[in-house]
Amino acid sequence: QVQPVESGGGLVQAGGSLRLSCAASGRTAMGWFRQVPGKEREFVAHINIIGDTYYANSVKGRFTISRDNAENTGYLQMNNLKPEDTAVYYCATGRVASQFARNYDYWGQGTQVTVSS
């Protein structure tokens, strides 16, 4: 299996929390992106192999990206969720952590996150 597999999406009220998981194949850089219908895919956060992280301004201070290298799994902890966070969230893996979608080699199928007001 090369394609990462996301899980953990769902419906939550504004102010609530969700944790997304991404099961990857091997130790790779990992990024999270999100997309709503009619809009381009938007960068959320990324983490490299040694754990350096970077966030979009819109989620900084609310979301935390992490990884468990022993399990080849990444996580996106989302706190204080807002209705504007509603989107399909995608995990992407590649050799280099990047805020640009084109730099990733493999993409998951996506998981829906819906935040109600």
PDB file of N, CA and C in Angstrom:
ATOM      1  N   GLN A   1       0.847  -1.202   0.000  1.00  0.00           N
ATOM      2  CA  GLN A   1       0.000   0.000   0.000  1.00  0.00           C
ATOM      3  C   GLN A   1       0.872   1.237   0.000  1.00  0.00           C
ATOM      4  N   VAL A   2       0.671   2.111  -0.960  1.00  0.00           N
ATOM      5  CA  VAL A   2       1.433   3.344  -1.040  1.00  0.00           C
ATOM      6  C   VAL A   2       0.536   4.537  -0.711  1.00  0.00           C
ATOM      7  N   GLN A   3      -0.702   4.467  -1.138  1.00  0.00           N
ATOM      8  CA  GLN A   3      -1.623   5.572  -0.907  1.00  0.00           C
ATOM      9  C   GLN A   3      -1.923   5.685   0.580  1.00  0.00           C
ATOM     10  N   PRO A   4      -1.777   6.883   1.156  1.00  0.00           N
ATOM     11  CA  PRO A   4      -2.132   7.042   2.566  1.00  0.00           C
ATOM     12  C   PRO A   4      -3.632   6.899   2.775  1.00  0.00           C
ATOM     13  N   VAL A   5      -4.017   6.550   3.980  1.00  0.00           N
ATOM     14  CA  VAL A   5      -5.420   6.335   4.311  1.00  0.00           C
ATOM     15  C   VAL A   5      -5.792   7.215   5.499  1.00  0.00           C
ATOM     16  N   GLU A   6      -6.757   8.110   5.283  1.00  0.00           N
ATOM     17  CA  GLU A   6      -7.207   8.992   6.351  1.00  0.00           C
ATOM     18  C   GLU A   6      -8.374   8.378   7.103  1.00  0.00           C
ATOM     19  N   SER A   7      -8.526   8.832   8.333  1.00  0.00           N
ATOM     20  CA  SER A   7      -9.692   8.463   9.138  1.00  0.00           C
ATOM     21  C   SER A   7      -9.901   9.537  10.199  1.00  0.00           C
ATOM     22  N   GLY A   8     -11.081   9.542  10.794  1.00  0.00           N
ATOM     23  CA  GLY A   8     -11.341  10.427  11.924  1.00  0.00           C
ATOM     24  C   GLY A   8     -12.224  11.619  11.648  1.00  0.00           C
ATOM     25  N   GLY A   9     -12.677  11.783  10.430  1.00  0.00           N
ATOM     26  CA  GLY A   9     -13.565  12.905  10.152  1.00  0.00           C
ATOM     27  C   GLY A   9     -14.935  12.691  10.776  1.00  0.00           C
ATOM     28  N   GLY A  10     -15.765  13.723  10.678  1.00  0.00           N
ATOM     29  CA  GLY A  10     -17.106  13.612  11.228  1.00  0.00           C
ATOM     30  C   GLY A  10     -17.766  14.957  11.386  1.00  0.00           C
ATOM     31  N   LEU A  11     -18.847  14.954  12.152  1.00  0.00           N
ATOM     32  CA  LEU A  11     -19.631  16.161  12.411  1.00  0.00           C
ATOM     33  C   LEU A  11     -19.382  16.604  13.844  1.00  0.00           C
ATOM     34  N   VAL A  12     -19.107  17.883  14.011  1.00  0.00           N
ATOM     35  CA  VAL A  12     -18.828  18.424  15.342  1.00  0.00           C
ATOM     36  C   VAL A  12     -19.387  19.835  15.421  1.00  0.00           C
ATOM     37  N   GLN A  13     -19.745  20.256  16.616  1.00  0.00           N
ATOM     38  CA  GLN A  13     -20.224  21.624  16.803  1.00  0.00           C
ATOM     39  C   GLN A  13     -19.051  22.593  16.870  1.00  0.00           C
ATOM     40  N   ALA A  14     -19.320  23.827  16.529  1.00  0.00           N
ATOM     41  CA  ALA A  14     -18.297  24.860  16.624  1.00  0.00           C
ATOM     42  C   ALA A  14     -17.714  24.895  18.033  1.00  0.00           C
ATOM     43  N   GLY A  15     -16.398  25.017  18.096  1.00  0.00           N
ATOM     44  CA  GLY A  15     -15.698  24.980  19.373  1.00  0.00           C
ATOM     45  C   GLY A  15     -15.232  23.599  19.772  1.00  0.00           C
ATOM     46  N   GLY A  16     -15.686  22.598  19.078  1.00  0.00           N
ATOM     47  CA  GLY A  16     -15.329  21.227  19.393  1.00  0.00           C
ATOM     48  C   GLY A  16     -14.000  20.816  18.774  1.00  0.00           C
ATOM     49  N   SER A  17     -13.681  19.535  18.926  1.00  0.00           N
ATOM     50  CA  SER A  17     -12.395  19.003  18.472  1.00  0.00           C
ATOM     51  C   SER A  17     -12.585  17.707  17.700  1.00  0.00           C
ATOM     52  N   LEU A  18     -11.662  17.457  16.808  1.00  0.00           N
ATOM     53  CA  LEU A  18     -11.567  16.192  16.096  1.00  0.00           C
ATOM     54  C   LEU A  18     -10.092  15.884  15.906  1.00  0.00           C
ATOM     55  N   ARG A  19      -9.779  14.599  15.783  1.00  0.00           N
ATOM     56  CA  ARG A  19      -8.422  14.196  15.441  1.00  0.00           C
ATOM     57  C   ARG A  19      -8.470  13.322  14.200  1.00  0.00           C
ATOM     58  N   LEU A  20      -7.759  13.752  13.190  1.00  0.00           N
ATOM     59  CA  LEU A  20      -7.633  12.982  11.961  1.00  0.00           C
ATOM     60  C   LEU A  20      -6.363  12.147  12.020  1.00  0.00           C
ATOM     61  N   SER A  21      -6.423  10.972  11.426  1.00  0.00           N
ATOM     62  CA  SER A  21      -5.259  10.099  11.337  1.00  0.00           C
ATOM     63  C   SER A  21      -4.936   9.830   9.881  1.00  0.00           C
ATOM     64  N   CYS A  22      -3.664   9.570   9.634  1.00  0.00           N
ATOM     65  CA  CYS A  22      -3.205   9.260   8.279  1.00  0.00           C
ATOM     66  C   CYS A  22      -2.215   8.115   8.373  1.00  0.00           C
ATOM     67  N   ALA A  23      -2.618   6.953   7.886  1.00  0.00           N
ATOM     68  CA  ALA A  23      -1.748   5.789   7.878  1.00  0.00           C
ATOM     69  C   ALA A  23      -0.950   5.802   6.582  1.00  0.00           C
ATOM     70  N   ALA A  24       0.366   5.929   6.718  1.00  0.00           N
ATOM     71  CA  ALA A  24       1.234   6.058   5.547  1.00  0.00           C
ATOM     72  C   ALA A  24       2.043   4.787   5.347  1.00  0.00           C
ATOM     73  N   SER A  25       2.659   4.724   4.177  1.00  0.00           N
ATOM     74  CA  SER A  25       3.518   3.591   3.855  1.00  0.00           C
ATOM     75  C   SER A  25       4.965   4.018   4.023  1.00  0.00           C
ATOM     76  N   GLY A  26       5.559   3.678   5.135  1.00  0.00           N
ATOM     77  CA  GLY A  26       6.924   4.076   5.385  1.00  0.00           C
ATOM     78  C   GLY A  26       7.034   5.461   5.991  1.00  0.00           C
ATOM     79  N   ARG A  27       8.244   5.868   6.271  1.00  0.00           N
ATOM     80  CA  ARG A  27       8.474   7.166   6.897  1.00  0.00           C
ATOM     81  C   ARG A  27       8.642   8.215   5.802  1.00  0.00           C
ATOM     82  N   THR A  28       7.653   9.095   5.690  1.00  0.00           N
ATOM     83  CA  THR A  28       7.665  10.108   4.641  1.00  0.00           C
ATOM     84  C   THR A  28       7.248  11.450   5.219  1.00  0.00           C
ATOM     85  N   ALA A  29       7.533  12.514   4.486  1.00  0.00           N
ATOM     86  CA  ALA A  29       6.958  13.808   4.840  1.00  0.00           C
ATOM     87  C   ALA A  29       5.447  13.725   4.624  1.00  0.00           C
ATOM     88  N   MET A  30       4.739  14.525   5.392  1.00  0.00           N
ATOM     89  CA  MET A  30       3.277  14.418   5.342  1.00  0.00           C
ATOM     90  C   MET A  30       2.650  15.806   5.395  1.00  0.00           C
ATOM     91  N   GLY A  31       1.639  15.989   4.583  1.00  0.00           N
ATOM     92  CA  GLY A  31       0.915  17.252   4.593  1.00  0.00           C
ATOM     93  C   GLY A  31      -0.575  17.008   4.684  1.00  0.00           C
ATOM     94  N   TRP A  32      -1.275  17.976   5.256  1.00  0.00           N
ATOM     95  CA  TRP A  32      -2.735  17.954   5.284  1.00  0.00           C
ATOM     96  C   TRP A  32      -3.240  19.138   4.466  1.00  0.00           C
ATOM     97  N   PHE A  33      -4.210  18.850   3.642  1.00  0.00           N
ATOM     98  CA  PHE A  33      -4.866  19.859   2.823  1.00  0.00           C
ATOM     99  C   PHE A  33      -6.367  19.699   3.000  1.00  0.00           C
ATOM    100  N   ARG A  34      -7.106  20.724   2.614  1.00  0.00           N
ATOM    101  CA  ARG A  34      -8.559  20.627   2.670  1.00  0.00           C
ATOM    102  C   ARG A  34      -9.163  21.304   1.453  1.00  0.00           C
ATOM    103  N   GLN A  35     -10.369  20.879   1.122  1.00  0.00           N
ATOM    104  CA  GLN A  35     -11.017  21.402  -0.072  1.00  0.00           C
ATOM    105  C   GLN A  35     -12.525  21.441   0.121  1.00  0.00           C
ATOM    106  N   VAL A  36     -13.102  22.543  -0.302  1.00  0.00           N
ATOM    107  CA  VAL A  36     -14.559  22.671  -0.341  1.00  0.00           C
ATOM    108  C   VAL A  36     -14.970  22.754  -1.801  1.00  0.00           C
ATOM    109  N   PRO A  37     -16.188  22.354  -2.119  1.00  0.00           N
ATOM    110  CA  PRO A  37     -16.633  22.364  -3.524  1.00  0.00           C
ATOM    111  C   PRO A  37     -16.484  23.740  -4.156  1.00  0.00           C
ATOM    112  N   GLY A  38     -15.927  23.737  -5.357  1.00  0.00           N
ATOM    113  CA  GLY A  38     -15.795  24.983  -6.088  1.00  0.00           C
ATOM    114  C   GLY A  38     -14.551  25.779  -5.762  1.00  0.00           C
ATOM    115  N   LYS A  39     -13.752  25.294  -4.817  1.00  0.00           N
ATOM    116  CA  LYS A  39     -12.529  26.002  -4.453  1.00  0.00           C
ATOM    117  C   LYS A  39     -11.324  25.111  -4.632  1.00  0.00           C
ATOM    118  N   GLU A  40     -10.154  25.738  -4.712  1.00  0.00           N
ATOM    119  CA  GLU A  40      -8.927  24.983  -4.842  1.00  0.00           C
ATOM    120  C   GLU A  40      -8.569  24.309  -3.512  1.00  0.00           C
ATOM    121  N   ARG A  41      -7.782  23.265  -3.633  1.00  0.00           N
ATOM    122  CA  ARG A  41      -7.307  22.589  -2.440  1.00  0.00           C
ATOM    123  C   ARG A  41      -6.401  23.538  -1.657  1.00  0.00           C
ATOM    124  N   GLU A  42      -6.618  23.589  -0.345  1.00  0.00           N
ATOM    125  CA  GLU A  42      -5.951  24.554   0.518  1.00  0.00           C
ATOM    126  C   GLU A  42      -5.007  23.852   1.480  1.00  0.00           C
ATOM    127  N   PHE A  43      -3.803  24.394   1.599  1.00  0.00           N
ATOM    128  CA  PHE A  43      -2.826  23.853   2.530  1.00  0.00           C
ATOM    129  C   PHE A  43      -3.266  24.092   3.971  1.00  0.00           C
ATOM    130  N   VAL A  44      -3.063  23.086   4.829  1.00  0.00           N
ATOM    131  CA  VAL A  44      -3.397  23.206   6.246  1.00  0.00           C
ATOM    132  C   VAL A  44      -2.139  23.133   7.112  1.00  0.00           C
ATOM    133  N   ALA A  45      -1.373  22.066   6.968  1.00  0.00           N
ATOM    134  CA  ALA A  45      -0.185  21.885   7.807  1.00  0.00           C
ATOM    135  C   ALA A  45       0.702  20.813   7.187  1.00  0.00           C
ATOM    136  N   HIS A  46       2.002  20.863   7.536  1.00  0.00           N
ATOM    137  CA  HIS A  46       2.871  19.764   7.125  1.00  0.00           C
ATOM    138  C   HIS A  46       3.899  19.455   8.202  1.00  0.00           C
ATOM    139  N   ILE A  47       4.444  18.250   8.104  1.00  0.00           N
ATOM    140  CA  ILE A  47       5.457  17.800   9.046  1.00  0.00           C
ATOM    141  C   ILE A  47       6.494  16.992   8.281  1.00  0.00           C
ATOM    142  N   ASN A  48       7.764  17.235   8.573  1.00  0.00           N
ATOM    143  CA  ASN A  48       8.785  16.462   7.866  1.00  0.00           C
ATOM    144  C   ASN A  48       9.175  15.230   8.689  1.00  0.00           C
ATOM    145  N   ILE A  49      10.166  14.522   8.194  1.00  0.00           N
ATOM    146  CA  ILE A  49      10.519  13.239   8.793  1.00  0.00           C
ATOM    147  C   ILE A  49      11.033  13.393  10.221  1.00  0.00           C
ATOM    148  N   ILE A  50      11.682  14.514  10.510  1.00  0.00           N
ATOM    149  CA  ILE A  50      12.236  14.696  11.855  1.00  0.00           C
ATOM    150  C   ILE A  50      11.296  15.472  12.768  1.00  0.00           C
ATOM    151  N   GLY A  51      10.119  15.802  12.278  1.00  0.00           N
ATOM    152  CA  GLY A  51       9.120  16.410  13.144  1.00  0.00           C
ATOM    153  C   GLY A  51       8.966  17.904  13.083  1.00  0.00           C
ATOM    154  N   ASP A  52       9.671  18.560  12.178  1.00  0.00           N
ATOM    155  CA  ASP A  52       9.465  19.997  12.003  1.00  0.00           C
ATOM    156  C   ASP A  52       8.088  20.233  11.399  1.00  0.00           C
ATOM    157  N   THR A  53       7.399  21.235  11.885  1.00  0.00           N
ATOM    158  CA  THR A  53       6.024  21.483  11.457  1.00  0.00           C
ATOM    159  C   THR A  53       5.847  22.889  10.902  1.00  0.00           C
ATOM    160  N   TYR A  54       4.790  23.053  10.140  1.00  0.00           N
ATOM    161  CA  TYR A  54       4.457  24.363   9.570  1.00  0.00           C
ATOM    162  C   TYR A  54       2.953  24.391   9.359  1.00  0.00           C
ATOM    163  N   TYR A  55       2.331  25.566   9.639  1.00  0.00           N
ATOM    164  CA  TYR A  55       0.877  25.680   9.589  1.00  0.00           C
ATOM    165  C   TYR A  55       0.429  26.853   8.729  1.00  0.00           C
ATOM    166  N   ALA A  56      -0.732  26.693   8.151  1.00  0.00           N
ATOM    167  CA  ALA A  56      -1.397  27.825   7.526  1.00  0.00           C
ATOM    168  C   ALA A  56      -1.834  28.789   8.619  1.00  0.00           C
ATOM    169  N   ASN A  57      -1.835  30.071   8.315  1.00  0.00           N
ATOM    170  CA  ASN A  57      -2.217  31.060   9.310  1.00  0.00           C
ATOM    171  C   ASN A  57      -3.631  30.827   9.840  1.00  0.00           C
ATOM    172  N   SER A  58      -4.492  30.317   8.988  1.00  0.00           N
ATOM    173  CA  SER A  58      -5.898  30.144   9.368  1.00  0.00           C
ATOM    174  C   SER A  58      -6.098  29.092  10.455  1.00  0.00           C
ATOM    175  N   VAL A  59      -5.121  28.210  10.650  1.00  0.00           N
ATOM    176  CA  VAL A  59      -5.276  27.142  11.643  1.00  0.00           C
ATOM    177  C   VAL A  59      -4.243  27.221  12.762  1.00  0.00           C
ATOM    178  N   LYS A  60      -3.282  28.112  12.621  1.00  0.00           N
ATOM    179  CA  LYS A  60      -2.204  28.213  13.605  1.00  0.00           C
ATOM    180  C   LYS A  60      -2.770  28.505  14.987  1.00  0.00           C
ATOM    181  N   GLY A  61      -2.328  27.740  15.970  1.00  0.00           N
ATOM    182  CA  GLY A  61      -2.823  27.904  17.332  1.00  0.00           C
ATOM    183  C   GLY A  61      -4.035  27.052  17.653  1.00  0.00           C
ATOM    184  N   ARG A  62      -4.675  26.495  16.627  1.00  0.00           N
ATOM    185  CA  ARG A  62      -5.853  25.636  16.839  1.00  0.00           C
ATOM    186  C   ARG A  62      -5.588  24.189  16.425  1.00  0.00           C
ATOM    187  N   PHE A  63      -4.802  24.002  15.374  1.00  0.00           N
ATOM    188  CA  PHE A  63      -4.505  22.664  14.873  1.00  0.00           C
ATOM    189  C   PHE A  63      -3.066  22.285  15.238  1.00  0.00           C
ATOM    190  N   THR A  64      -2.860  20.987  15.456  1.00  0.00           N
ATOM    191  CA  THR A  64      -1.524  20.471  15.724  1.00  0.00           C
ATOM    192  C   THR A  64      -1.288  19.232  14.881  1.00  0.00           C
ATOM    193  N   ILE A  65      -0.218  19.259  14.111  1.00  0.00           N
ATOM    194  CA  ILE A  65       0.161  18.096  13.316  1.00  0.00           C
ATOM    195  C   ILE A  65       1.261  17.353  14.049  1.00  0.00           C
ATOM    196  N   SER A  66       1.203  16.037  14.014  1.00  0.00           N
ATOM    197  CA  SER A  66       2.215  15.221  14.692  1.00  0.00           C
ATOM    198  C   SER A  66       2.358  13.914  13.946  1.00  0.00           C
ATOM    199  N   ARG A  67       3.307  13.110  14.388  1.00  0.00           N
ATOM    200  CA  ARG A  67       3.509  11.828  13.743  1.00  0.00           C
ATOM    201  C   ARG A  67       4.045  10.818  14.731  1.00  0.00           C
ATOM    202  N   ASP A  68       3.765   9.568  14.446  1.00  0.00           N
ATOM    203  CA  ASP A  68       4.314   8.443  15.195  1.00  0.00           C
ATOM    204  C   ASP A  68       5.112   7.619  14.193  1.00  0.00           C
ATOM    205  N   ASN A  69       6.419   7.782  14.195  1.00  0.00           N
ATOM    206  CA  ASN A  69       7.239   7.116  13.186  1.00  0.00           C
ATOM    207  C   ASN A  69       7.236   5.599  13.345  1.00  0.00           C
ATOM    208  N   ALA A  70       7.065   5.132  14.556  1.00  0.00           N
ATOM    209  CA  ALA A  70       7.030   3.681  14.765  1.00  0.00           C
ATOM    210  C   ALA A  70       5.818   3.054  14.079  1.00  0.00           C
ATOM    211  N   GLU A  71       4.745   3.815  13.981  1.00  0.00           N
ATOM    212  CA  GLU A  71       3.515   3.313  13.379  1.00  0.00           C
ATOM    213  C   GLU A  71       3.301   3.855  11.964  1.00  0.00           C
ATOM    214  N   ASN A  72       4.218   4.695  11.481  1.00  0.00           N
ATOM    215  CA  ASN A  72       4.054   5.330  10.165  1.00  0.00           C
ATOM    216  C   ASN A  72       2.691   6.009  10.054  1.00  0.00           C
ATOM    217  N   THR A  73       2.318   6.687  11.101  1.00  0.00           N
ATOM    218  CA  THR A  73       1.009   7.328  11.151  1.00  0.00           C
ATOM    219  C   THR A  73       1.164   8.790  11.520  1.00  0.00           C
ATOM    220  N   GLY A  74       0.406   9.620  10.848  1.00  0.00           N
ATOM    221  CA  GLY A  74       0.378  11.028  11.173  1.00  0.00           C
ATOM    222  C   GLY A  74      -0.983  11.422  11.715  1.00  0.00           C
ATOM    223  N   TYR A  75      -0.998  12.557  12.424  1.00  0.00           N
ATOM    224  CA  TYR A  75      -2.228  13.013  13.051  1.00  0.00           C
ATOM    225  C   TYR A  75      -2.415  14.509  12.827  1.00  0.00           C
ATOM    226  N   LEU A  76      -3.670  14.898  12.798  1.00  0.00           N
ATOM    227  CA  LEU A  76      -4.000  16.320  12.789  1.00  0.00           C
ATOM    228  C   LEU A  76      -5.042  16.532  13.882  1.00  0.00           C
ATOM    229  N   GLN A  77      -4.597  17.094  14.990  1.00  0.00           N
ATOM    230  CA  GLN A  77      -5.494  17.417  16.088  1.00  0.00           C
ATOM    231  C   GLN A  77      -6.096  18.786  15.819  1.00  0.00           C
ATOM    232  N   MET A  78      -7.408  18.854  15.752  1.00  0.00           N
ATOM    233  CA  MET A  78      -8.097  20.094  15.408  1.00  0.00           C
ATOM    234  C   MET A  78      -8.955  20.524  16.597  1.00  0.00           C
ATOM    235  N   ASN A  79      -8.608  21.634  17.187  1.00  0.00           N
ATOM    236  CA  ASN A  79      -9.335  22.170  18.335  1.00  0.00           C
ATOM    237  C   ASN A  79     -10.010  23.478  17.976  1.00  0.00           C
ATOM    238  N   ASN A  80     -10.977  23.861  18.790  1.00  0.00           N
ATOM    239  CA  ASN A  80     -11.700  25.123  18.571  1.00  0.00           C
ATOM    240  C   ASN A  80     -12.145  25.248  17.115  1.00  0.00           C
ATOM    241  N   LEU A  81     -12.792  24.211  16.633  1.00  0.00           N
ATOM    242  CA  LEU A  81     -13.201  24.180  15.234  1.00  0.00           C
ATOM    243  C   LEU A  81     -14.248  25.239  14.942  1.00  0.00           C
ATOM    244  N   LYS A  82     -14.181  25.754  13.724  1.00  0.00           N
ATOM    245  CA  LYS A  82     -15.093  26.794  13.262  1.00  0.00           C
ATOM    246  C   LYS A  82     -15.856  26.295  12.043  1.00  0.00           C
ATOM    247  N   PRO A  83     -17.033  26.845  11.774  1.00  0.00           N
ATOM    248  CA  PRO A  83     -17.772  26.408  10.579  1.00  0.00           C
ATOM    249  C   PRO A  83     -16.952  26.529   9.301  1.00  0.00           C
ATOM    250  N   GLU A  84     -16.078  27.512   9.218  1.00  0.00           N
ATOM    251  CA  GLU A  84     -15.264  27.678   8.018  1.00  0.00           C
ATOM    252  C   GLU A  84     -14.184  26.610   7.867  1.00  0.00           C
ATOM    253  N   ASP A  85     -14.025  25.752   8.874  1.00  0.00           N
ATOM    254  CA  ASP A  85     -13.117  24.611   8.757  1.00  0.00           C
ATOM    255  C   ASP A  85     -13.778  23.435   8.042  1.00  0.00           C
ATOM    256  N   THR A  86     -15.067  23.543   7.771  1.00  0.00           N
ATOM    257  CA  THR A  86     -15.772  22.472   7.071  1.00  0.00           C
ATOM    258  C   THR A  86     -15.173  22.246   5.697  1.00  0.00           C
ATOM    259  N   ALA A  87     -14.798  21.001   5.416  1.00  0.00           N
ATOM    260  CA  ALA A  87     -14.139  20.664   4.148  1.00  0.00           C
ATOM    261  C   ALA A  87     -13.875  19.159   4.122  1.00  0.00           C
ATOM    262  N   VAL A  88     -13.454  18.692   2.966  1.00  0.00           N
ATOM    263  CA  VAL A  88     -12.858  17.361   2.877  1.00  0.00           C
ATOM    264  C   VAL A  88     -11.366  17.530   3.139  1.00  0.00           C
ATOM    265  N   TYR A  89     -10.856  16.780   4.085  1.00  0.00           N
ATOM    266  CA  TYR A  89      -9.452  16.873   4.473  1.00  0.00           C
ATOM    267  C   TYR A  89      -8.685  15.712   3.845  1.00  0.00           C
ATOM    268  N   TYR A  90      -7.560  16.061   3.228  1.00  0.00           N
ATOM    269  CA  TYR A  90      -6.722  15.087   2.543  1.00  0.00           C
ATOM    270  C   TYR A  90      -5.353  15.011   3.186  1.00  0.00           C
ATOM    271  N   CYS A  91      -4.851  13.797   3.295  1.00  0.00           N
ATOM    272  CA  CYS A  91      -3.472  13.564   3.709  1.00  0.00           C
ATOM    273  C   CYS A  91      -2.647  13.292   2.454  1.00  0.00           C
ATOM    274  N   ALA A  92      -1.470  13.864   2.404  1.00  0.00           N
ATOM    275  CA  ALA A  92      -0.569  13.659   1.282  1.00  0.00           C
ATOM    276  C   ALA A  92       0.813  13.305   1.798  1.00  0.00           C
ATOM    277  N   THR A  93       1.503  12.441   1.079  1.00  0.00           N
ATOM    278  CA  THR A  93       2.852  12.047   1.487  1.00  0.00           C
ATOM    279  C   THR A  93       3.829  12.232   0.342  1.00  0.00           C
ATOM    280  N   GLY A  94       5.086  12.443   0.704  1.00  0.00           N
ATOM    281  CA  GLY A  94       6.122  12.639  -0.296  1.00  0.00           C
ATOM    282  C   GLY A  94       7.483  12.703   0.348  1.00  0.00           C
ATOM    283  N   ARG A  95       8.486  13.064  -0.441  1.00  0.00           N
ATOM    284  CA  ARG A  95       9.859  13.092   0.066  1.00  0.00           C
ATOM    285  C   ARG A  95      10.150  14.367   0.846  1.00  0.00           C
ATOM    286  N   VAL A  96       9.446  15.442   0.502  1.00  0.00           N
ATOM    287  CA  VAL A  96       9.720  16.745   1.110  1.00  0.00           C
ATOM    288  C   VAL A  96       8.423  17.354   1.623  1.00  0.00           C
ATOM    289  N   ALA A  97       8.443  17.877   2.838  1.00  0.00           N
ATOM    290  CA  ALA A  97       7.275  18.574   3.371  1.00  0.00           C
ATOM    291  C   ALA A  97       7.146  19.918   2.666  1.00  0.00           C
ATOM    292  N   SER A  98       5.934  20.227   2.223  1.00  0.00           N
ATOM    293  CA  SER A  98       5.731  21.422   1.420  1.00  0.00           C
ATOM    294  C   SER A  98       4.310  21.931   1.611  1.00  0.00           C
ATOM    295  N   GLN A  99       4.132  23.233   1.422  1.00  0.00           N
ATOM    296  CA  GLN A  99       2.787  23.781   1.458  1.00  0.00           C
ATOM    297  C   GLN A  99       2.134  23.743   0.083  1.00  0.00           C
ATOM    298  N   PHE A 100       2.826  23.207  -0.904  1.00  0.00           N
ATOM    299  CA  PHE A 100       2.309  23.139  -2.261  1.00  0.00           C
ATOM    300  C   PHE A 100       1.912  21.714  -2.609  1.00  0.00           C
ATOM    301  N   ALA A 101       0.667  21.557  -3.038  1.00  0.00           N
ATOM    302  CA  ALA A 101       0.131  20.235  -3.309  1.00  0.00           C
ATOM    303  C   ALA A 101       0.929  19.500  -4.385  1.00  0.00           C
ATOM    304  N   ARG A 102       1.467  20.214  -5.338  1.00  0.00           N
ATOM    305  CA  ARG A 102       2.157  19.574  -6.455  1.00  0.00           C
ATOM    306  C   ARG A 102       3.421  18.832  -6.016  1.00  0.00           C
ATOM    307  N   ASN A 103       3.922  19.118  -4.813  1.00  0.00           N
ATOM    308  CA  ASN A 103       5.162  18.496  -4.343  1.00  0.00           C
ATOM    309  C   ASN A 103       4.936  17.159  -3.652  1.00  0.00           C
ATOM    310  N   TYR A 104       3.709  16.715  -3.552  1.00  0.00           N
ATOM    311  CA  TYR A 104       3.420  15.443  -2.909  1.00  0.00           C
ATOM    312  C   TYR A 104       3.168  14.361  -3.951  1.00  0.00           C
ATOM    313  N   ASP A 105       3.571  13.137  -3.597  1.00  0.00           N
ATOM    314  CA  ASP A 105       3.490  12.014  -4.531  1.00  0.00           C
ATOM    315  C   ASP A 105       2.194  11.222  -4.402  1.00  0.00           C
ATOM    316  N   TYR A 106       1.691  11.100  -3.186  1.00  0.00           N
ATOM    317  CA  TYR A 106       0.541  10.239  -2.949  1.00  0.00           C
ATOM    318  C   TYR A 106      -0.498  10.962  -2.104  1.00  0.00           C
ATOM    319  N   TRP A 107      -1.737  10.685  -2.415  1.00  0.00           N
ATOM    320  CA  TRP A 107      -2.861  11.339  -1.747  1.00  0.00           C
ATOM    321  C   TRP A 107      -3.855  10.299  -1.246  1.00  0.00           C
ATOM    322  N   GLY A 108      -4.425  10.590  -0.073  1.00  0.00           N
ATOM    323  CA  GLY A 108      -5.491   9.751   0.434  1.00  0.00           C
ATOM    324  C   GLY A 108      -6.815  10.081  -0.241  1.00  0.00           C
ATOM    325  N   GLN A 109      -7.838   9.356   0.145  1.00  0.00           N
ATOM    326  CA  GLN A 109      -9.147   9.513  -0.474  1.00  0.00           C
ATOM    327  C   GLN A 109      -9.937  10.668   0.133  1.00  0.00           C
ATOM    328  N   GLY A 110      -9.486  11.173   1.249  1.00  0.00           N
ATOM    329  CA  GLY A 110     -10.144  12.304   1.893  1.00  0.00           C
ATOM    330  C   GLY A 110     -11.139  11.866   2.955  1.00  0.00           C
ATOM    331  N   THR A 111     -11.322  12.722   3.944  1.00  0.00           N
ATOM    332  CA  THR A 111     -12.300  12.468   4.994  1.00  0.00           C
ATOM    333  C   THR A 111     -13.057  13.772   5.268  1.00  0.00           C
ATOM    334  N   GLN A 112     -14.375  13.663   5.381  1.00  0.00           N
ATOM    335  CA  GLN A 112     -15.206  14.856   5.525  1.00  0.00           C
ATOM    336  C   GLN A 112     -15.198  15.336   6.975  1.00  0.00           C
ATOM    337  N   VAL A 113     -14.976  16.629   7.130  1.00  0.00           N
ATOM    338  CA  VAL A 113     -15.110  17.297   8.424  1.00  0.00           C
ATOM    339  C   VAL A 113     -16.191  18.360   8.281  1.00  0.00           C
ATOM    340  N   THR A 114     -17.205  18.268   9.118  1.00  0.00           N
ATOM    341  CA  THR A 114     -18.297  19.233   9.086  1.00  0.00           C
ATOM    342  C   THR A 114     -18.444  19.869  10.468  1.00  0.00           C
ATOM    343  N   VAL A 115     -18.385  21.192  10.497  1.00  0.00           N
ATOM    344  CA  VAL A 115     -18.498  21.932  11.755  1.00  0.00           C
ATOM    345  C   VAL A 115     -19.786  22.739  11.708  1.00  0.00           C
ATOM    346  N   SER A 116     -20.697  22.445  12.608  1.00  0.00           N
ATOM    347  CA  SER A 116     -21.978  23.146  12.636  1.00  0.00           C
ATOM    348  C   SER A 116     -21.899  24.351  13.572  1.00  0.00           C
ATOM    349  N   SER A 117     -22.642  25.377  13.228  1.00  0.00           N
ATOM    350  CA  SER A 117     -22.628  26.609  14.035  1.00  0.00           C
ATOM    351  C   SER A 117     -23.656  26.562  15.152  1.00  0.00           C
TER     352      SER A 117
END
